[in-house]
PDB file of N, CA and C in Angstrom:
ATOM      1  N   MET A   1     -31.538  -8.507   2.789  1.00  0.00           N
ATOM      2  CA  MET A   1     -30.141  -8.800   3.004  1.00  0.00           C
ATOM      3  C   MET A   1     -29.403  -7.560   3.496  1.00  0.00           C
ATOM      4  N   GLU A   2     -29.815  -6.385   3.039  1.00  0.00           N
ATOM      5  CA  GLU A   2     -29.122  -5.150   3.390  1.00  0.00           C
ATOM      6  C   GLU A   2     -29.081  -4.925   4.906  1.00  0.00           C
ATOM      7  N   ALA A   3     -30.105  -5.322   5.605  1.00  0.00           N
ATOM      8  CA  ALA A   3     -30.147  -5.143   7.064  1.00  0.00           C
ATOM      9  C   ALA A   3     -29.106  -6.001   7.774  1.00  0.00           C
ATOM     10  N   CYS A   4     -28.631  -7.036   7.122  1.00  0.00           N
ATOM     11  CA  CYS A   4     -27.654  -7.941   7.731  1.00  0.00           C
ATOM     12  C   CYS A   4     -26.213  -7.505   7.518  1.00  0.00           C
ATOM     13  N   VAL A   5     -25.982  -6.573   6.624  1.00  0.00           N
ATOM     14  CA  VAL A   5     -24.622  -6.154   6.307  1.00  0.00           C
ATOM     15  C   VAL A   5     -24.166  -5.093   7.304  1.00  0.00           C
ATOM     16  N   THR A   6     -23.062  -5.381   7.959  1.00  0.00           N
ATOM     17  CA  THR A   6     -22.520  -4.439   8.928  1.00  0.00           C
ATOM     18  C   THR A   6     -21.631  -3.440   8.200  1.00  0.00           C
ATOM     19  N   PRO A   7     -21.876  -2.157   8.381  1.00  0.00           N
ATOM     20  CA  PRO A   7     -21.022  -1.174   7.708  1.00  0.00           C
ATOM     21  C   PRO A   7     -19.624  -1.159   8.323  1.00  0.00           C
ATOM     22  N   THR A   8     -18.654  -0.713   7.546  1.00  0.00           N
ATOM     23  CA  THR A   8     -17.290  -0.574   8.051  1.00  0.00           C
ATOM     24  C   THR A   8     -17.312   0.457   9.166  1.00  0.00           C
ATOM     25  N   PRO A   9     -16.772   0.116  10.337  1.00  0.00           N
ATOM     26  CA  PRO A   9     -16.850   1.043  11.460  1.00  0.00           C
ATOM     27  C   PRO A   9     -15.930   2.246  11.285  1.00  0.00           C
ATOM     28  N   LYS A  10     -16.316   3.343  11.908  1.00  0.00           N
ATOM     29  CA  LYS A  10     -15.439   4.503  11.997  1.00  0.00           C
ATOM     30  C   LYS A  10     -14.465   4.205  13.130  1.00  0.00           C
ATOM     31  N   VAL A  11     -13.194   4.380  12.886  1.00  0.00           N
ATOM     32  CA  VAL A  11     -12.200   4.059  13.906  1.00  0.00           C
ATOM     33  C   VAL A  11     -11.351   5.278  14.206  1.00  0.00           C
ATOM     34  N   SER A  12     -10.913   5.346  15.451  1.00  0.00           N
ATOM     35  CA  SER A  12     -10.029   6.447  15.800  1.00  0.00           C
ATOM     36  C   SER A  12      -8.609   6.087  15.401  1.00  0.00           C
ATOM     37  N   GLY A  13      -7.847   7.056  15.006  1.00  0.00           N
ATOM     38  CA  GLY A  13      -6.455   6.820  14.652  1.00  0.00           C
ATOM     39  C   GLY A  13      -6.203   6.671  13.171  1.00  0.00           C
ATOM     40  N   GLY A  14      -7.242   6.722  12.337  1.00  0.00           N
ATOM     41  CA  GLY A  14      -7.037   6.610  10.901  1.00  0.00           C
ATOM     42  C   GLY A  14      -8.141   5.828  10.224  1.00  0.00           C
ATOM     43  N   ASP A  15      -8.002   5.637   8.930  1.00  0.00           N
ATOM     44  CA  ASP A  15      -8.996   4.912   8.146  1.00  0.00           C
ATOM     45  C   ASP A  15      -8.566   3.473   7.951  1.00  0.00           C
ATOM     46  N   LEU A  16      -9.560   2.590   7.859  1.00  0.00           N
ATOM     47  CA  LEU A  16      -9.282   1.199   7.523  1.00  0.00           C
ATOM     48  C   LEU A  16      -8.938   1.116   6.046  1.00  0.00           C
ATOM     49  N   LYS A  17      -7.982   0.287   5.705  1.00  0.00           N
ATOM     50  CA  LYS A  17      -7.630   0.054   4.306  1.00  0.00           C
ATOM     51  C   LYS A  17      -8.749  -0.765   3.668  1.00  0.00           C
ATOM     52  N   PRO A  18      -8.967  -0.614   2.367  1.00  0.00           N
ATOM     53  CA  PRO A  18      -9.986  -1.434   1.701  1.00  0.00           C
ATOM     54  C   PRO A  18      -9.533  -2.890   1.615  1.00  0.00           C
ATOM     55  N   PHE A  19     -10.518  -3.794   1.594  1.00  0.00           N
ATOM     56  CA  PHE A  19     -10.216  -5.219   1.454  1.00  0.00           C
ATOM     57  C   PHE A  19      -9.741  -5.459   0.028  1.00  0.00           C
ATOM     58  N   PRO A  20      -8.767  -6.257  -0.233  1.00  0.00           N
ATOM     59  CA  PRO A  20      -7.996  -7.147   0.629  1.00  0.00           C
ATOM     60  C   PRO A  20      -6.727  -6.515   1.195  1.00  0.00           C
ATOM     61  N   ASN A  21      -6.482  -5.237   0.906  1.00  0.00           N
ATOM     62  CA  ASN A  21      -5.257  -4.599   1.405  1.00  0.00           C
ATOM     63  C   ASN A  21      -5.170  -4.594   2.919  1.00  0.00           C
ATOM     64  N   ARG A  22      -6.330  -4.583   3.594  1.00  0.00           N
ATOM     65  CA  ARG A  22      -6.290  -4.508   5.049  1.00  0.00           C
ATOM     66  C   ARG A  22      -5.979  -5.844   5.720  1.00  0.00           C
ATOM     67  N   LEU A  23      -5.870  -6.919   4.942  1.00  0.00           N
ATOM     68  CA  LEU A  23      -5.548  -8.208   5.550  1.00  0.00           C
ATOM     69  C   LEU A  23      -4.252  -8.142   6.354  1.00  0.00           C
ATOM     70  N   TYR A  24      -3.264  -7.442   5.838  1.00  0.00           N
ATOM     71  CA  TYR A  24      -1.981  -7.359   6.533  1.00  0.00           C
ATOM     72  C   TYR A  24      -1.618  -5.944   6.958  1.00  0.00           C
ATOM     73  N   ALA A  25      -2.484  -4.968   6.682  1.00  0.00           N
ATOM     74  CA  ALA A  25      -2.224  -3.595   7.109  1.00  0.00           C
ATOM     75  C   ALA A  25      -2.440  -3.491   8.617  1.00  0.00           C
ATOM     76  N   ILE A  26      -1.618  -2.711   9.257  1.00  0.00           N
ATOM     77  CA  ILE A  26      -1.768  -2.515  10.696  1.00  0.00           C
ATOM     78  C   ILE A  26      -3.021  -1.665  10.924  1.00  0.00           C
ATOM     79  N   PRO A  27      -3.986  -2.175  11.702  1.00  0.00           N
ATOM     80  CA  PRO A  27      -5.223  -1.433  11.938  1.00  0.00           C
ATOM     81  C   PRO A  27      -4.952  -0.127  12.688  1.00  0.00           C
ATOM     82  N   PRO A  28      -5.759   0.897  12.421  1.00  0.00           N
ATOM     83  CA  PRO A  28      -5.567   2.178  13.104  1.00  0.00           C
ATOM     84  C   PRO A  28      -5.577   2.064  14.628  1.00  0.00           C
ATOM     85  N   ARG A  29      -6.439   1.200  15.174  1.00  0.00           N
ATOM     86  CA  ARG A  29      -6.477   1.063  16.636  1.00  0.00           C
ATOM     87  C   ARG A  29      -5.163   0.530  17.178  1.00  0.00           C
ATOM     88  N   VAL A  30      -4.475  -0.315  16.407  1.00  0.00           N
ATOM     89  CA  VAL A  30      -3.177  -0.838  16.844  1.00  0.00           C
ATOM     90  C   VAL A  30      -2.108   0.240  16.692  1.00  0.00           C
ATOM     91  N   SER A  31      -2.053   0.870  15.529  1.00  0.00           N
ATOM     92  CA  SER A  31      -1.006   1.871  15.291  1.00  0.00           C
ATOM     93  C   SER A  31      -1.142   3.091  16.200  1.00  0.00           C
ATOM     94  N   SER A  32      -2.363   3.382  16.647  1.00  0.00           N
ATOM     95  CA  SER A  32      -2.555   4.527  17.540  1.00  0.00           C
ATOM     96  C   SER A  32      -2.259   4.176  18.993  1.00  0.00           C
ATOM     97  N   GLY A  33      -2.049   2.880  19.281  1.00  0.00           N
ATOM     98  CA  GLY A  33      -1.742   2.458  20.648  1.00  0.00           C
ATOM     99  C   GLY A  33      -2.955   2.342  21.543  1.00  0.00           C
ATOM    100  N   SER A  34      -4.153   2.276  20.967  1.00  0.00           N
ATOM    101  CA  SER A  34      -5.361   2.231  21.804  1.00  0.00           C
ATOM    102  C   SER A  34      -5.725   0.825  22.287  1.00  0.00           C
ATOM    103  N   ILE A  35      -4.969  -0.196  21.875  1.00  0.00           N
ATOM    104  CA  ILE A  35      -5.201  -1.554  22.381  1.00  0.00           C
ATOM    105  C   ILE A  35      -4.037  -1.903  23.302  1.00  0.00           C
ATOM    106  N   PRO A  36      -4.293  -1.982  24.591  1.00  0.00           N
ATOM    107  CA  PRO A  36      -3.211  -2.268  25.540  1.00  0.00           C
ATOM    108  C   PRO A  36      -2.514  -3.593  25.233  1.00  0.00           C
ATOM    109  N   GLY A  37      -1.201  -3.550  25.215  1.00  0.00           N
ATOM    110  CA  GLY A  37      -0.413  -4.762  25.006  1.00  0.00           C
ATOM    111  C   GLY A  37      -0.208  -5.160  23.558  1.00  0.00           C
ATOM    112  N   VAL A  38      -0.772  -4.399  22.626  1.00  0.00           N
ATOM    113  CA  VAL A  38      -0.616  -4.720  21.205  1.00  0.00           C
ATOM    114  C   VAL A  38       0.020  -3.518  20.506  1.00  0.00           C
ATOM    115  N   SER A  39       1.210  -3.726  19.977  1.00  0.00           N
ATOM    116  CA  SER A  39       1.903  -2.676  19.232  1.00  0.00           C
ATOM    117  C   SER A  39       1.945  -3.071  17.757  1.00  0.00           C
ATOM    118  N   SER A  40       2.406  -2.157  16.926  1.00  0.00           N
ATOM    119  CA  SER A  40       2.561  -2.469  15.504  1.00  0.00           C
ATOM    120  C   SER A  40       3.513  -3.647  15.324  1.00  0.00           C
ATOM    121  N   GLU A  41       4.543  -3.693  16.151  1.00  0.00           N
ATOM    122  CA  GLU A  41       5.519  -4.789  16.063  1.00  0.00           C
ATOM    123  C   GLU A  41       4.894  -6.130  16.444  1.00  0.00           C
ATOM    124  N   THR A  42       4.122  -6.170  17.530  1.00  0.00           N
ATOM    125  CA  THR A  42       3.492  -7.440  17.916  1.00  0.00           C
ATOM    126  C   THR A  42       2.474  -7.878  16.872  1.00  0.00           C
ATOM    127  N   TYR A  43       1.790  -6.901  16.257  1.00  0.00           N
ATOM    128  CA  TYR A  43       0.829  -7.219  15.204  1.00  0.00           C
ATOM    129  C   TYR A  43       1.532  -7.853  14.003  1.00  0.00           C
ATOM    130  N   GLN A  44       2.638  -7.260  13.575  1.00  0.00           N
ATOM    131  CA  GLN A  44       3.391  -7.800  12.441  1.00  0.00           C
ATOM    132  C   GLN A  44       3.985  -9.161  12.774  1.00  0.00           C
ATOM    133  N   ASN A  45       4.459  -9.339  13.993  1.00  0.00           N
ATOM    134  CA  ASN A  45       4.991 -10.642  14.407  1.00  0.00           C
ATOM    135  C   ASN A  45       3.903 -11.707  14.392  1.00  0.00           C
ATOM    136  N   ASP A  46       2.691 -11.334  14.813  1.00  0.00           N
ATOM    137  CA  ASP A  46       1.568 -12.269  14.795  1.00  0.00           C
ATOM    138  C   ASP A  46       1.259 -12.689  13.356  1.00  0.00           C
ATOM    139  N   ASN A  47       1.267 -11.726  12.430  1.00  0.00           N
ATOM    140  CA  ASN A  47       1.045 -12.047  11.013  1.00  0.00           C
ATOM    141  C   ASN A  47       2.095 -13.023  10.493  1.00  0.00           C
ATOM    142  N   LYS A  48       3.354 -12.758  10.793  1.00  0.00           N
ATOM    143  CA  LYS A  48       4.444 -13.635  10.326  1.00  0.00           C
ATOM    144  C   LYS A  48       4.296 -15.041  10.894  1.00  0.00           C
ATOM    145  N   GLU A  49       3.954 -15.131  12.171  1.00  0.00           N
ATOM    146  CA  GLU A  49       3.809 -16.429  12.823  1.00  0.00           C
ATOM    147  C   GLU A  49       2.691 -17.245  12.177  1.00  0.00           C
ATOM    148  N   TRP A  50       1.536 -16.603  11.924  1.00  0.00           N
ATOM    149  CA  TRP A  50       0.428 -17.338  11.330  1.00  0.00           C
ATOM    150  C   TRP A  50       0.679 -17.700   9.871  1.00  0.00           C
ATOM    151  N   LYS A  51       1.394 -16.860   9.134  1.00  0.00           N
ATOM    152  CA  LYS A  51       1.755 -17.228   7.758  1.00  0.00           C
ATOM    153  C   LYS A  51       2.585 -18.504   7.768  1.00  0.00           C
ATOM    154  N   LYS A  52       3.506 -18.601   8.719  1.00  0.00           N
ATOM    155  CA  LYS A  52       4.357 -19.787   8.848  1.00  0.00           C
ATOM    156  C   LYS A  52       3.514 -21.014   9.179  1.00  0.00           C
ATOM    157  N   HIS A  53       2.588 -20.876  10.136  1.00  0.00           N
ATOM    158  CA  HIS A  53       1.751 -22.016  10.528  1.00  0.00           C
ATOM    159  C   HIS A  53       0.842 -22.467   9.382  1.00  0.00           C
ATOM    160  N   VAL A  54       0.217 -21.513   8.712  1.00  0.00           N
ATOM    161  CA  VAL A  54      -0.700 -21.860   7.621  1.00  0.00           C
ATOM    162  C   VAL A  54       0.058 -22.509   6.472  1.00  0.00           C
ATOM    163  N   SER A  55       1.259 -22.043   6.209  1.00  0.00           N
ATOM    164  CA  SER A  55       2.082 -22.672   5.174  1.00  0.00           C
ATOM    165  C   SER A  55       2.329 -24.138   5.511  1.00  0.00           C
ATOM    166  N   ALA A  56       2.617 -24.413   6.773  1.00  0.00           N
ATOM    167  CA  ALA A  56       2.813 -25.809   7.207  1.00  0.00           C
ATOM    168  C   ALA A  56       1.509 -26.598   7.112  1.00  0.00           C
ATOM    169  N   TYR A  57       0.376 -25.979   7.490  1.00  0.00           N
ATOM    170  CA  TYR A  57      -0.918 -26.658   7.398  1.00  0.00           C
ATOM    171  C   TYR A  57      -1.230 -27.032   5.949  1.00  0.00           C
ATOM    172  N   LYS A  58      -0.898 -26.120   5.021  1.00  0.00           N
ATOM    173  CA  LYS A  58      -1.204 -26.367   3.607  1.00  0.00           C
ATOM    174  C   LYS A  58      -0.375 -27.509   3.033  1.00  0.00           C
ATOM    175  N   LYS A  59       0.799 -27.744   3.591  1.00  0.00           N
ATOM    176  CA  LYS A  59       1.609 -28.884   3.145  1.00  0.00           C
ATOM    177  C   LYS A  59       0.970 -30.201   3.568  1.00  0.00           C
ATOM    178  N   ILE A  60       0.299 -30.175   4.705  1.00  0.00           N
ATOM    179  CA  ILE A  60      -0.352 -31.378   5.237  1.00  0.00           C
ATOM    180  C   ILE A  60      -1.731 -31.572   4.604  1.00  0.00           C
ATOM    181  N   ASN A  61      -2.458 -30.491   4.424  1.00  0.00           N
ATOM    182  CA  ASN A  61      -3.822 -30.556   3.916  1.00  0.00           C
ATOM    183  C   ASN A  61      -3.956 -29.646   2.698  1.00  0.00           C
ATOM    184  N   SER A  62      -3.797 -30.205   1.531  1.00  0.00           N
ATOM    185  CA  SER A  62      -3.831 -29.409   0.299  1.00  0.00           C
ATOM    186  C   SER A  62      -5.217 -28.822   0.021  1.00  0.00           C
ATOM    187  N   LEU A  63      -6.245 -29.295   0.710  1.00  0.00           N
ATOM    188  CA  LEU A  63      -7.589 -28.774   0.486  1.00  0.00           C
ATOM    189  C   LEU A  63      -7.758 -27.352   1.021  1.00  0.00           C
ATOM    190  N   LEU A  64      -6.834 -26.881   1.859  1.00  0.00           N
ATOM    191  CA  LEU A  64      -6.943 -25.512   2.361  1.00  0.00           C
ATOM    192  C   LEU A  64      -6.892 -24.500   1.228  1.00  0.00           C
ATOM    193  N   ASP A  65      -6.185 -24.798   0.151  1.00  0.00           N
ATOM    194  CA  ASP A  65      -6.098 -23.894  -0.989  1.00  0.00           C
ATOM    195  C   ASP A  65      -7.221 -24.084  -2.002  1.00  0.00           C
ATOM    196  N   SER A  66      -8.085 -25.043  -1.771  1.00  0.00           N
ATOM    197  CA  SER A  66      -9.099 -25.377  -2.767  1.00  0.00           C
ATOM    198  C   SER A  66     -10.321 -24.471  -2.743  1.00  0.00           C
ATOM    199  N   GLY A  67     -10.465 -23.656  -1.714  1.00  0.00           N
ATOM    200  CA  GLY A  67     -11.670 -22.849  -1.572  1.00  0.00           C
ATOM    201  C   GLY A  67     -12.787 -23.623  -0.898  1.00  0.00           C
ATOM    202  N   ARG A  68     -12.511 -24.855  -0.529  1.00  0.00           N
ATOM    203  CA  ARG A  68     -13.521 -25.702   0.100  1.00  0.00           C
ATOM    204  C   ARG A  68     -13.849 -25.236   1.519  1.00  0.00           C
ATOM    205  N   TYR A  69     -12.853 -24.711   2.205  1.00  0.00           N
ATOM    206  CA  TYR A  69     -13.049 -24.275   3.583  1.00  0.00           C
ATOM    207  C   TYR A  69     -13.233 -22.770   3.624  1.00  0.00           C
ATOM    208  N   ARG A  70     -14.345 -22.330   4.192  1.00  0.00           N
ATOM    209  CA  ARG A  70     -14.626 -20.900   4.263  1.00  0.00           C
ATOM    210  C   ARG A  70     -14.623 -20.394   5.695  1.00  0.00           C
ATOM    211  N   ASN A  71     -15.057 -21.178   6.633  1.00  0.00           N
ATOM    212  CA  ASN A  71     -15.224 -20.714   8.008  1.00  0.00           C
ATOM    213  C   ASN A  71     -14.360 -21.530   8.955  1.00  0.00           C
ATOM    214  N   ILE A  72     -13.072 -21.281   8.889  1.00  0.00           N
ATOM    215  CA  ILE A  72     -12.143 -21.966   9.778  1.00  0.00           C
ATOM    216  C   ILE A  72     -11.803 -20.998  10.894  1.00  0.00           C
ATOM    217  N   MET A  73     -11.936 -21.472  12.123  1.00  0.00           N
ATOM    218  CA  MET A  73     -11.628 -20.603  13.256  1.00  0.00           C
ATOM    219  C   MET A  73     -10.606 -21.275  14.152  1.00  0.00           C
ATOM    220  N   ASP A  74      -9.788 -20.453  14.744  1.00  0.00           N
ATOM    221  CA  ASP A  74      -8.863 -20.921  15.755  1.00  0.00           C
ATOM    222  C   ASP A  74      -9.017 -19.979  16.934  1.00  0.00           C
ATOM    223  N   MET A  75      -9.425 -20.502  18.056  1.00  0.00           N
ATOM    224  CA  MET A  75      -9.708 -19.657  19.211  1.00  0.00           C
ATOM    225  C   MET A  75      -8.455 -18.993  19.759  1.00  0.00           C
ATOM    226  N   ASN A  76      -7.285 -19.419  19.332  1.00  0.00           N
ATOM    227  CA  ASN A  76      -6.045 -18.808  19.783  1.00  0.00           C
ATOM    228  C   ASN A  76      -5.495 -17.811  18.769  1.00  0.00           C
ATOM    229  N   ALA A  77      -6.253 -17.505  17.732  1.00  0.00           N
ATOM    230  CA  ALA A  77      -5.742 -16.665  16.656  1.00  0.00           C
ATOM    231  C   ALA A  77      -5.504 -15.218  17.083  1.00  0.00           C
ATOM    232  N   GLY A  78      -6.238 -14.731  18.024  1.00  0.00           N
ATOM    233  CA  GLY A  78      -5.975 -13.418  18.597  1.00  0.00           C
ATOM    234  C   GLY A  78      -6.242 -12.225  17.701  1.00  0.00           C
ATOM    235  N   LEU A  79      -5.304 -11.860  16.851  1.00  0.00           N
ATOM    236  CA  LEU A  79      -5.385 -10.600  16.121  1.00  0.00           C
ATOM    237  C   LEU A  79      -5.934 -10.724  14.705  1.00  0.00           C
ATOM    238  N   GLY A  80      -6.413 -11.877  14.309  1.00  0.00           N
ATOM    239  CA  GLY A  80      -6.969 -12.044  12.973  1.00  0.00           C
ATOM    240  C   GLY A  80      -5.964 -12.479  11.924  1.00  0.00           C
ATOM    241  N   SER A  81      -4.735 -12.719  12.337  1.00  0.00           N
ATOM    242  CA  SER A  81      -3.701 -13.095  11.380  1.00  0.00           C
ATOM    243  C   SER A  81      -3.941 -14.473  10.782  1.00  0.00           C
ATOM    244  N   PHE A  82      -4.577 -15.353  11.542  1.00  0.00           N
ATOM    245  CA  PHE A  82      -4.886 -16.691  11.030  1.00  0.00           C
ATOM    246  C   PHE A  82      -5.809 -16.578   9.816  1.00  0.00           C
ATOM    247  N   ALA A  83      -6.858 -15.781   9.937  1.00  0.00           N
ATOM    248  CA  ALA A  83      -7.799 -15.608   8.830  1.00  0.00           C
ATOM    249  C   ALA A  83      -7.130 -14.962   7.630  1.00  0.00           C
ATOM    250  N   ALA A  84      -6.266 -14.001   7.864  1.00  0.00           N
ATOM    251  CA  ALA A  84      -5.553 -13.344   6.767  1.00  0.00           C
ATOM    252  C   ALA A  84      -4.631 -14.338   6.052  1.00  0.00           C
ATOM    253  N   ALA A  85      -3.956 -15.167   6.816  1.00  0.00           N
ATOM    254  CA  ALA A  85      -3.045 -16.145   6.228  1.00  0.00           C
ATOM    255  C   ALA A  85      -3.807 -17.192   5.425  1.00  0.00           C
ATOM    256  N   ILE A  86      -4.962 -17.622   5.926  1.00  0.00           N
ATOM    257  CA  ILE A  86      -5.784 -18.598   5.194  1.00  0.00           C
ATOM    258  C   ILE A  86      -6.271 -17.970   3.892  1.00  0.00           C
ATOM    259  N   HIS A  87      -6.714 -16.721   3.938  1.00  0.00           N
ATOM    260  CA  HIS A  87      -7.244 -16.063   2.737  1.00  0.00           C
ATOM    261  C   HIS A  87      -6.185 -15.959   1.654  1.00  0.00           C
ATOM    262  N   SER A  88      -4.979 -15.596   2.037  1.00  0.00           N
ATOM    263  CA  SER A  88      -3.946 -15.370   1.026  1.00  0.00           C
ATOM    264  C   SER A  88      -3.233 -16.655   0.690  1.00  0.00           C
TER     265      SER A  88
END
Protein backbone atom coordinates (compact mmCIF):
# COMPACT_ATOMS: atom_id res chain seq x y z
CA MET A 1 0.00 0.00 0.00
CA GLU A 2 2.88 2.37 0.78
CA ALA A 3 3.89 2.52 -2.90
CA CYS A 4 0.43 3.87 -3.75
CA VAL A 5 0.52 6.80 -1.34
CA THR A 6 1.56 10.05 -2.96
CA PRO A 7 3.65 12.23 -0.67
CA THR A 8 2.66 15.85 -0.10
CA PRO A 9 4.43 17.82 -2.82
CA LYS A 10 7.00 20.50 -2.16
CA VAL A 11 5.52 23.75 -3.43
CA SER A 12 7.02 27.09 -4.17
CA GLY A 13 5.66 30.06 -2.28
CA GLY A 14 5.15 28.39 1.10
CA ASP A 15 4.05 25.24 2.88
CA LEU A 16 0.76 23.43 2.46
CA LYS A 17 -1.45 23.54 5.54
CA PRO A 18 -2.18 20.16 7.15
CA PHE A 19 -5.50 18.48 6.36
CA PRO A 20 -8.29 19.49 7.09
CA ASN A 21 -7.06 23.08 7.56
CA ARG A 22 -5.98 23.24 3.93
CA LEU A 23 -9.52 22.67 2.66
CA TYR A 24 -10.13 26.42 2.66
CA ALA A 25 -6.58 27.76 3.03
CA ILE A 26 -5.26 29.60 0.00
CA PRO A 27 -2.64 27.30 -1.58
CA PRO A 28 0.91 28.68 -1.83
CA ARG A 29 0.84 28.47 -5.64
CA VAL A 30 -2.23 30.74 -5.66
CA SER A 31 -0.97 33.22 -3.06
CA SER A 32 2.40 33.48 -4.82
CA GLY A 33 0.68 34.32 -8.13
CA SER A 34 2.19 31.37 -10.00
CA ILE A 35 -1.16 30.28 -11.49
CA PRO A 36 -2.17 32.68 -14.26
CA GLY A 37 -5.66 34.07 -13.83
CA VAL A 38 -6.12 32.81 -10.27
CA SER A 39 -5.66 35.23 -7.38
CA SER A 40 -6.32 34.82 -3.67
CA GLU A 41 -9.57 36.73 -4.20
CA THR A 42 -10.79 34.49 -7.04
CA TYR A 43 -9.87 31.44 -4.95
CA GLN A 44 -11.90 32.69 -1.97
CA ASN A 45 -14.82 33.62 -4.24
CA ASP A 46 -14.76 30.10 -5.71
CA ASN A 47 -14.91 28.64 -2.18
CA LYS A 48 -17.88 30.85 -1.26
CA GLU A 49 -19.72 29.97 -4.46
CA TRP A 50 -19.33 26.22 -3.96
CA LYS A 51 -20.34 26.41 -0.29
CA LYS A 52 -23.56 28.07 -1.45
CA HIS A 53 -24.18 25.42 -4.14
CA VAL A 54 -23.45 22.48 -1.84
CA SER A 55 -25.73 23.94 0.83
CA ALA A 56 -28.53 24.00 -1.76
CA TYR A 57 -27.67 20.45 -2.90
CA LYS A 58 -27.87 19.21 0.70
CA LYS A 59 -31.38 20.63 1.06
CA ILE A 60 -32.46 18.57 -1.95
CA ASN A 61 -30.45 15.44 -1.19
CA SER A 62 -29.97 14.81 2.53
CA LEU A 63 -27.78 11.79 1.76
CA LEU A 64 -24.86 14.10 0.96
CA ASP A 65 -24.29 14.49 4.71
CA SER A 66 -24.61 10.78 5.41
CA GLY A 67 -21.08 9.79 4.41
CA ARG A 68 -22.58 7.57 1.73
CA TYR A 69 -20.98 9.52 -1.10
CA ARG A 70 -17.19 9.58 -1.19
CA ASN A 71 -16.20 10.19 -4.81
CA ILE A 72 -18.36 12.96 -6.19
CA MET A 73 -16.83 14.92 -9.03
CA ASP A 74 -17.91 17.96 -10.92
CA MET A 75 -15.89 18.67 -14.03
CA ASN A 76 -16.60 22.39 -13.62
CA ALA A 77 -15.30 22.55 -10.05
CA GLY A 78 -12.00 24.11 -11.10
CA LEU A 79 -10.12 24.96 -7.92
CA GLY A 80 -11.21 22.12 -5.63
CA SER A 81 -13.78 24.16 -3.74
CA PHE A 82 -16.54 21.68 -4.57
CA ALA A 83 -14.67 18.88 -2.79
CA ALA A 84 -13.92 21.11 0.19
CA ALA A 85 -17.57 22.13 0.48
CA ILE A 86 -18.75 18.51 0.28
CA HIS A 87 -16.24 17.45 2.96
CA SER A 88 -17.28 20.13 5.42
